[in-house]
Protein backbone atom coordinates (compact mmCIF):
# COMPACT_ATOMS: atom_id res chain seq x y z
CA MET A 1 -20.06 -8.80 40.05
CA ASP A 2 -18.48 -7.25 42.81
CA LYS A 3 -17.25 -9.43 45.69
CA ASN A 4 -19.75 -7.75 48.04
CA LEU A 5 -23.64 -6.90 46.94
CA PHE A 6 -23.48 -3.88 49.48
CA ASP A 7 -20.71 -1.18 49.51
CA CYS A 8 -21.54 -0.43 53.09
CA VAL A 9 -23.43 -1.82 56.15
CA ILE A 10 -24.74 0.17 58.92
CA ILE A 11 -26.17 -1.81 61.91
CA VAL A 12 -28.12 -0.03 64.62
CA ASP A 13 -28.64 -1.13 68.40
CA TRP A 14 -31.73 0.68 69.13
CA SER A 15 -33.20 2.14 72.55
CA ALA A 16 -36.31 2.95 73.81
CA ALA A 17 -34.89 5.15 76.65
CA SER A 18 -37.29 7.84 78.09
CA ALA A 19 -34.26 10.30 78.69
CA PRO A 20 -30.89 11.19 76.97
CA SER A 21 -28.38 8.45 77.54
CA PRO A 22 -25.35 9.23 79.64
CA SER A 23 -22.55 11.73 77.97
CA LYS A 24 -20.15 8.92 78.57
CA PRO A 25 -20.81 6.00 76.13
CA SER A 26 -23.18 3.30 77.87
CA ALA A 27 -24.78 0.26 77.67
CA ASP A 28 -28.44 -0.07 76.64
CA ALA A 29 -28.14 3.20 74.48
CA ILE A 30 -28.07 3.62 70.67
CA TRP A 31 -24.95 2.30 68.85
CA THR A 32 -24.25 2.19 65.12
CA CYS A 33 -21.37 0.48 63.22
CA ARG A 34 -20.67 1.63 59.70
CA ALA A 35 -18.35 -0.90 57.79
CA ASP A 36 -17.27 -0.22 54.50
CA ALA A 37 -13.96 -1.03 52.40
CA ARG A 38 -12.04 1.63 54.28
CA GLY A 39 -12.97 0.14 57.72
CA GLU A 40 -15.48 0.34 60.20
CA GLN A 41 -16.66 3.73 62.50
CA THR A 42 -18.85 2.68 65.61
CA GLN A 43 -20.54 5.47 67.04
CA TYR A 44 -22.67 6.25 70.36
CA HIS A 45 -25.65 8.32 70.12
CA ARG A 46 -27.85 9.88 73.24
CA THR A 47 -31.02 10.28 71.77
CA ARG A 48 -33.34 9.04 69.12
CA ALA A 49 -33.33 12.37 67.32
CA GLN A 50 -29.69 12.31 66.96
CA ALA A 51 -29.50 8.68 65.68
CA GLU A 52 -32.09 9.38 62.91
CA ALA A 53 -30.21 12.51 61.83
CA TYR A 54 -27.26 10.44 61.34
CA LEU A 55 -29.01 7.89 59.52
CA ARG A 56 -30.38 10.31 57.20
CA GLY A 57 -27.39 11.67 56.55
CA GLN A 58 -25.84 8.36 55.76
CA ILE A 59 -28.54 7.43 53.26
CA ASN A 60 -28.10 10.99 51.91
CA GLY A 61 -24.21 10.36 51.38
CA ALA A 62 -24.73 6.67 49.94
CA GLN A 63 -27.06 8.04 47.33
CA THR A 64 -24.79 10.83 46.44
CA GLN A 65 -22.17 8.61 45.96
CA GLY A 66 -24.21 5.89 44.16
CA ALA A 67 -23.40 3.31 46.83
CA ARG A 68 -25.24 0.36 47.74
CA LEU A 69 -26.09 0.51 51.42
CA LEU A 70 -27.79 -1.82 53.73
CA MET A 71 -28.91 -0.46 57.33
CA GLY A 72 -30.10 -3.28 59.47
CA CYS A 73 -31.97 -1.97 62.85
CA ASP A 74 -32.25 -4.42 65.55
CA PHE A 75 -35.81 -4.07 66.62
CA PRO A 76 -39.02 -6.11 65.00
CA PHE A 77 -40.34 -4.08 61.77
CA ALA A 78 -43.72 -5.99 61.99
CA TYR A 79 -46.15 -7.87 64.33
CA PRO A 80 -47.77 -11.44 64.02
CA ARG A 81 -50.14 -11.80 61.11
CA GLY A 82 -53.58 -10.44 61.41
CA PHE A 83 -52.32 -7.57 63.90
CA ALA A 84 -51.99 -4.87 61.23
CA HIS A 85 -55.60 -5.57 59.90
CA ALA A 86 -57.37 -5.82 63.32
CA LEU A 87 -55.48 -2.40 63.88
CA THR A 88 -55.68 -0.53 60.73
CA GLY A 89 -58.18 -2.50 58.37
CA GLN A 90 -54.95 -3.08 56.03
CA ALA A 91 -53.26 -6.51 56.21
CA ASP A 92 -49.88 -4.41 55.60
CA ALA A 93 -47.18 -3.60 58.01
CA ARG A 94 -46.66 0.07 56.39
CA ALA A 95 -50.07 0.56 57.60
CA VAL A 96 -48.84 -0.31 61.33
CA TRP A 97 -45.78 1.96 60.44
CA ARG A 98 -48.05 5.13 59.30
CA PHE A 99 -50.46 4.74 62.41
CA LEU A 100 -47.54 4.85 64.98
CA GLN A 101 -45.74 7.93 62.94
CA GLY A 102 -49.02 9.36 63.78
CA VAL A 103 -49.68 8.82 67.36
CA ILE A 104 -46.31 8.22 68.82
CA THR A 105 -44.78 11.59 70.25
CA ASP A 106 -40.91 11.52 70.87
CA SER A 107 -38.87 14.51 71.88
CA ASP A 108 -35.27 15.72 71.48
CA SER A 109 -34.50 14.61 74.65
CA ASN A 110 -36.38 10.94 74.20
CA ALA A 111 -39.64 11.90 76.14
CA ASN A 112 -42.25 9.86 74.68
CA ASN A 113 -45.55 8.29 74.86
CA ARG A 114 -45.15 4.85 74.17
CA PHE A 115 -47.06 3.43 77.09
CA ASP A 116 -49.91 5.70 76.52
CA VAL A 117 -50.03 4.76 72.76
CA ALA A 118 -49.93 0.85 74.08
CA ASN A 119 -52.87 1.46 76.42
CA ASP A 120 -54.78 2.87 73.84
CA ILE A 121 -54.26 0.25 71.37
CA ASN A 122 -55.11 -2.43 74.05
CA ALA A 123 -58.24 -0.77 74.78
CA ARG A 124 -59.66 -1.47 71.18
CA PHE A 125 -59.15 -5.45 72.16
CA GLY A 126 -60.22 -5.33 75.73
CA ILE A 127 -56.94 -6.18 77.44
CA GLY A 128 -53.69 -6.88 75.40
CA PRO A 129 -51.66 -7.50 73.09
CA PHE A 130 -49.10 -5.24 74.97
CA TRP A 131 -47.86 -5.66 78.46
CA GLY A 132 -45.27 -4.53 80.65
CA ARG A 133 -45.17 -0.98 82.25
CA PRO A 134 -43.30 0.95 85.36
CA ALA A 135 -44.72 0.21 88.59
CA GLY A 136 -47.62 2.70 89.68
CA ARG A 137 -48.04 4.14 86.17
CA ASP A 138 -51.67 4.59 85.27
CA ALA A 139 -52.69 2.46 82.32
CA PRO A 140 -55.84 0.53 82.80
CA HIS A 141 -55.71 -1.24 79.86
CA LEU A 142 -51.79 -1.95 80.06
CA PRO A 143 -51.27 -4.99 82.34
CA ALA A 144 -47.81 -4.71 84.15
CA ARG A 145 -47.19 -8.45 83.59
CA LYS A 146 -48.13 -11.09 80.92
CA THR A 147 -51.65 -11.77 81.47
CA VAL A 148 -52.78 -11.67 78.21
CA ASP A 149 -55.09 -14.64 76.50
CA TYR A 150 -53.69 -14.47 73.11
CA SER A 151 -56.00 -17.22 72.14
CA ALA A 152 -58.65 -14.69 72.42
CA LEU A 153 -56.84 -12.15 69.91
CA PRO A 154 -57.23 -12.22 66.06
CA PHE A 155 -53.43 -12.66 66.12
CA ALA A 156 -50.84 -14.70 67.73
CA GLU A 157 -48.30 -13.78 70.37
CA ARG A 158 -45.16 -14.79 68.41
CA ARG A 159 -44.22 -13.99 64.56
CA ALA A 160 -42.87 -16.95 62.70
CA ILE A 161 -39.51 -15.56 63.19
CA ASP A 162 -39.77 -15.28 66.82
CA ARG A 163 -40.82 -18.71 67.20
CA ALA A 164 -38.02 -20.07 64.81
CA ILE A 165 -35.44 -18.13 67.25
CA PRO A 166 -36.39 -19.04 70.94
CA SER A 167 -34.10 -16.20 72.49
CA ALA A 168 -36.08 -13.45 70.49
CA GLN A 169 -38.39 -11.60 73.04
CA PRO A 170 -42.11 -11.38 72.24
CA VAL A 171 -42.97 -8.10 70.39
CA TRP A 172 -45.43 -7.25 73.23
CA LYS A 173 -43.44 -6.49 75.57
CA LEU A 174 -42.52 -3.13 76.76
CA TYR A 175 -40.81 -2.98 80.19
CA THR A 176 -37.64 -4.59 81.91
CA THR A 177 -34.89 -6.55 80.36
CA GLY A 178 -35.64 -7.40 76.57
CA SER A 179 -38.28 -5.26 76.05
CA VAL A 180 -38.27 -5.21 72.34
CA GLY A 181 -41.91 -3.89 72.18
CA SER A 182 -41.07 -0.45 73.26
CA GLN A 183 -37.94 -0.51 70.85
CA ALA A 184 -40.39 -1.10 68.09
CA LEU A 185 -42.82 1.30 68.99
CA MET A 186 -40.10 3.85 69.11
CA GLY A 187 -38.43 2.78 66.03
CA LEU A 188 -41.09 2.37 63.70
CA PRO A 189 -42.14 5.56 63.22
CA MET A 190 -38.48 6.32 62.08
CA ILE A 191 -38.81 3.24 59.55
CA SER A 192 -41.99 4.95 58.30
CA ARG A 193 -40.08 8.26 57.54
CA LEU A 194 -36.67 6.68 56.29
CA SER A 195 -38.86 4.24 54.04
CA GLY A 196 -40.66 7.31 52.59
CA LEU A 197 -37.37 8.95 51.13
CA ASN A 198 -36.69 8.33 47.33
CA GLY A 199 -34.73 5.24 46.67
CA VAL A 200 -35.14 3.49 49.98
CA SER A 201 -36.47 0.13 50.09
CA VAL A 202 -37.53 -2.39 53.20
CA TRP A 203 -36.82 -6.05 53.17
CA PRO A 204 -38.89 -8.38 52.84
CA PHE A 205 -41.62 -6.21 52.51
CA ASP A 206 -40.76 -4.47 49.05
CA GLU A 207 -40.59 -7.21 46.14
CA SER A 208 -37.78 -5.14 44.27
CA LEU A 209 -34.80 -3.72 46.39
CA THR A 210 -33.09 -0.50 45.52
CA ASP A 211 -29.54 0.33 46.46
CA VAL A 212 -30.62 1.37 49.88
CA VAL A 213 -32.04 -1.20 51.92
CA LEU A 214 -33.66 -1.31 55.51
CA ALA A 215 -34.03 -4.45 57.56
CA GLU A 216 -34.76 -5.74 60.79
CA VAL A 217 -31.77 -7.58 62.29
CA TYR A 218 -30.77 -9.55 65.32
CA PRO A 219 -27.03 -8.89 66.50
CA SER A 220 -27.55 -11.59 69.40
CA ILE A 221 -27.46 -14.29 66.47
CA LEU A 222 -23.45 -13.85 66.76
CA ALA A 223 -23.60 -14.07 70.65
CA LYS A 224 -20.97 -16.69 70.77
CA ALA A 225 -18.58 -14.09 68.87
CA VAL A 226 -19.76 -11.34 70.58
CA ALA A 227 -18.81 -13.00 74.20
CA ARG A 228 -15.26 -13.60 72.97
CA GLU A 229 -14.62 -10.17 71.66
CA VAL A 230 -16.26 -8.49 74.97
CA ALA A 231 -14.14 -11.00 77.03
CA LEU A 232 -10.84 -9.94 75.35
CA SER A 233 -11.49 -6.28 74.63
CA ARG A 234 -13.68 -5.53 77.79
CA ALA A 235 -15.85 -3.08 75.34
CA ILE A 236 -19.16 -2.62 75.98
CA LYS A 237 -21.47 -5.42 74.38
CA ASP A 238 -23.67 -3.01 72.13
CA ALA A 239 -20.88 -1.55 70.69
CA VAL A 240 -19.34 -4.76 69.91
CA GLN A 241 -22.23 -6.64 68.75
CA VAL A 242 -22.99 -3.67 65.80
CA GLN A 243 -19.61 -3.61 64.85
CA LEU A 244 -19.18 -7.79 64.46
CA LEU A 245 -22.52 -7.90 62.57
CA ALA A 246 -21.84 -5.04 60.24
CA ARG A 247 -18.23 -6.33 59.56
CA ALA A 248 -19.57 -10.02 58.75
CA MET A 249 -22.70 -9.02 56.47
CA LEU A 250 -20.43 -6.71 54.49
CA ARG A 251 -18.12 -9.51 53.77
CA GLN A 252 -20.90 -11.69 52.48
CA PRO A 253 -20.79 -12.60 48.93
CA PRO A 254 -23.50 -12.24 46.26
CA ASP A 255 -24.70 -15.70 46.32
CA VAL A 256 -24.84 -15.93 50.24
CA TRP A 257 -26.91 -12.73 49.77
CA ALA A 258 -29.04 -14.20 47.46
CA GLN A 259 -30.21 -16.68 49.85
CA MET A 260 -30.61 -14.43 52.62
CA LEU A 261 -32.75 -11.80 50.69
CA ALA A 262 -34.74 -14.75 49.46
CA LEU A 263 -38.63 -14.58 50.86
CA PRO A 264 -38.06 -16.98 53.92
CA TYR A 265 -42.03 -17.71 53.56
CA PRO A 266 -45.27 -15.94 52.26
CA ASP A 267 -46.32 -14.28 55.64
CA ALA A 268 -42.69 -12.45 55.81
CA ARG A 269 -44.04 -9.70 53.63
CA GLU A 270 -46.91 -8.97 56.50
CA GLU A 271 -44.91 -9.81 59.59
CA GLY A 272 -41.41 -9.43 58.68
CA TRP A 273 -38.26 -11.70 59.49
CA ILE A 274 -34.91 -11.15 60.71
CA LEU A 275 -32.12 -10.66 57.77
CA GLY A 276 -29.51 -13.37 58.59
CA ALA A 277 -31.47 -15.75 60.25
CA GLY A 278 -30.49 -19.27 59.75
CA PHE A 279 -27.04 -18.04 58.63
CA ALA A 280 -25.08 -17.50 62.05
CA ASP A 281 -22.74 -19.99 61.29
CA VAL A 282 -21.88 -18.28 57.67
CA LEU A 283 -21.81 -14.95 59.31
CA GLU A 284 -19.54 -15.81 61.82
CA ALA A 285 -17.04 -17.54 59.47
CA ALA A 286 -16.71 -14.21 57.76
CA LEU A 287 -15.35 -12.51 60.95
């Protein structure tokens, strides 16, 4: 077997911005890094539409070439166990992806309705699970701060993987620093579309993986290495972390991939998992 399980790894640092990112490459925007045997290519994308078009092109290119591609995105792919059923009647993350694809609007200029969608979902449960919004925004069912009593809801505040990684933010947080909830609302419709393409699978939700695999990643598992590189290069952190994680994952041999791709626990098929969690030392050693 080849040294590497994947011929190409693409890591995506996502954004829920409501307007195009600055023309000059900036932090808190969408960054991607493609790593393969020829080297690494880091790119800056001003809008989600541009980024999705790029990712579709990469999938098409890999399939045309018969290459094995891993595409990792840094937002939650699912919610705590019980949410999918409470929202859609199906205990299936894909049902949530399809639901969000149907209700989220996202223009070519990044204008979107994520706070309205969260407000409407919260209205089904009273108050919560989502929280966080801009000051002055009219959203009667969406509290500005975390005031939600999760014990009164049929699902938890955090997924098992979020409890395993203390620095991970809750999937319900929509505003201010670390608002991964907004990134998920704006990213899961894309995952729904990309996973519907022929020959594309999603880990750990699919039992059998294809040559093109989508997965949730968390570049901060390489925080120490990223901090060292940023201090040396003065580069934008977002750009550095996608590059280092793409490089580290590309270099892993099949036996390590067998461990990382093993189902971490039964509920992972419903609430997801971060690929590479628990393997930080192994990944960093490959840099």
